[in-house]
C-alpha atoms as a PDB file:
ATOM      1  CA  MET A   1      -0.018   0.021  -0.151  1.00  0.00           C
ATOM      2  CA  MET A   2       2.827   2.560   1.038  1.00  0.00           C
ATOM      3  CA  GLN A   3       4.866   1.305  -1.996  1.00  0.00           C
ATOM      4  CA  ASP A   4       1.736   2.552  -4.448  1.00  0.00           C
ATOM      5  CA  LEU A   5       1.727   6.031  -2.756  1.00  0.00           C
ATOM      6  CA  PHE A   6       5.177   6.439  -3.365  1.00  0.00           C
ATOM      7  CA  LEU A   7       5.291   5.301  -6.877  1.00  0.00           C
ATOM      8  CA  ALA A   8       2.175   7.694  -7.772  1.00  0.00           C
ATOM      9  CA  ILE A   9       4.152  10.646  -5.916  1.00  0.00           C
ATOM     10  CA  ALA A  10       7.081   9.736  -8.127  1.00  0.00           C
ATOM     11  CA  ILE A  11       4.956   9.747 -11.298  1.00  0.00           C
ATOM     12  CA  VAL A  12       3.323  12.809 -10.478  1.00  0.00           C
ATOM     13  CA  GLY A  13       6.547  14.545  -9.621  1.00  0.00           C
ATOM     14  CA  ASN A  14       7.812  13.665 -13.178  1.00  0.00           C
ATOM     15  CA  VAL A  15       5.099  14.493 -15.010  1.00  0.00           C
ATOM     16  CA  ILE A  16       5.438  18.418 -12.970  1.00  0.00           C
ATOM     17  CA  THR A  17       9.002  18.067 -14.335  1.00  0.00           C
ATOM     18  CA  ILE A  18       8.513  17.279 -17.806  1.00  0.00           C
ATOM     19  CA  ALA A  19       5.707  19.878 -18.236  1.00  0.00           C
ATOM     20  CA  ALA A  20       8.034  22.362 -16.888  1.00  0.00           C
ATOM     21  CA  LEU A  21      10.442  21.468 -19.054  1.00  0.00           C
ATOM     22  CA  VAL A  22       8.546  21.321 -22.244  1.00  0.00           C
ATOM     23  CA  ARG A  23       6.700  25.007 -21.034  1.00  0.00           C
ATOM     24  CA  GLY A  24      10.148  26.634 -20.567  1.00  0.00           C
ATOM     25  CA  TYR A  25      11.298  25.432 -24.014  1.00  0.00           C
ATOM     26  CA  TYR A  26       8.191  26.553 -25.726  1.00  0.00           C
ATOM     27  CA  TRP A  27       8.710  30.029 -24.052  1.00  0.00           C
ATOM     28  CA  GLN A  28      12.049  30.328 -25.094  1.00  0.00           C
ATOM     29  CA  ARG A  29      11.486  29.543 -28.757  1.00  0.00           C
ATOM     30  CA  GLN A  30       8.441  32.206 -28.498  1.00  0.00           C
ATOM     31  CA  SER A  31      10.711  35.076 -27.300  1.00  0.00           C
ATOM     32  CA  GLN A  32      13.665  34.201 -29.667  1.00  0.00           C
ATOM     33  CA  ARG A  33      11.069  34.819 -32.611  1.00  0.00           C
END
């Protein structure tokens, strides 16, 4: 049970990190143009 919670937190953290990286990448490309 505790392992599932830890896994869910890890997945959510990865998704947030990837989303933040993608958003920053798009912002950078828009400002360059």
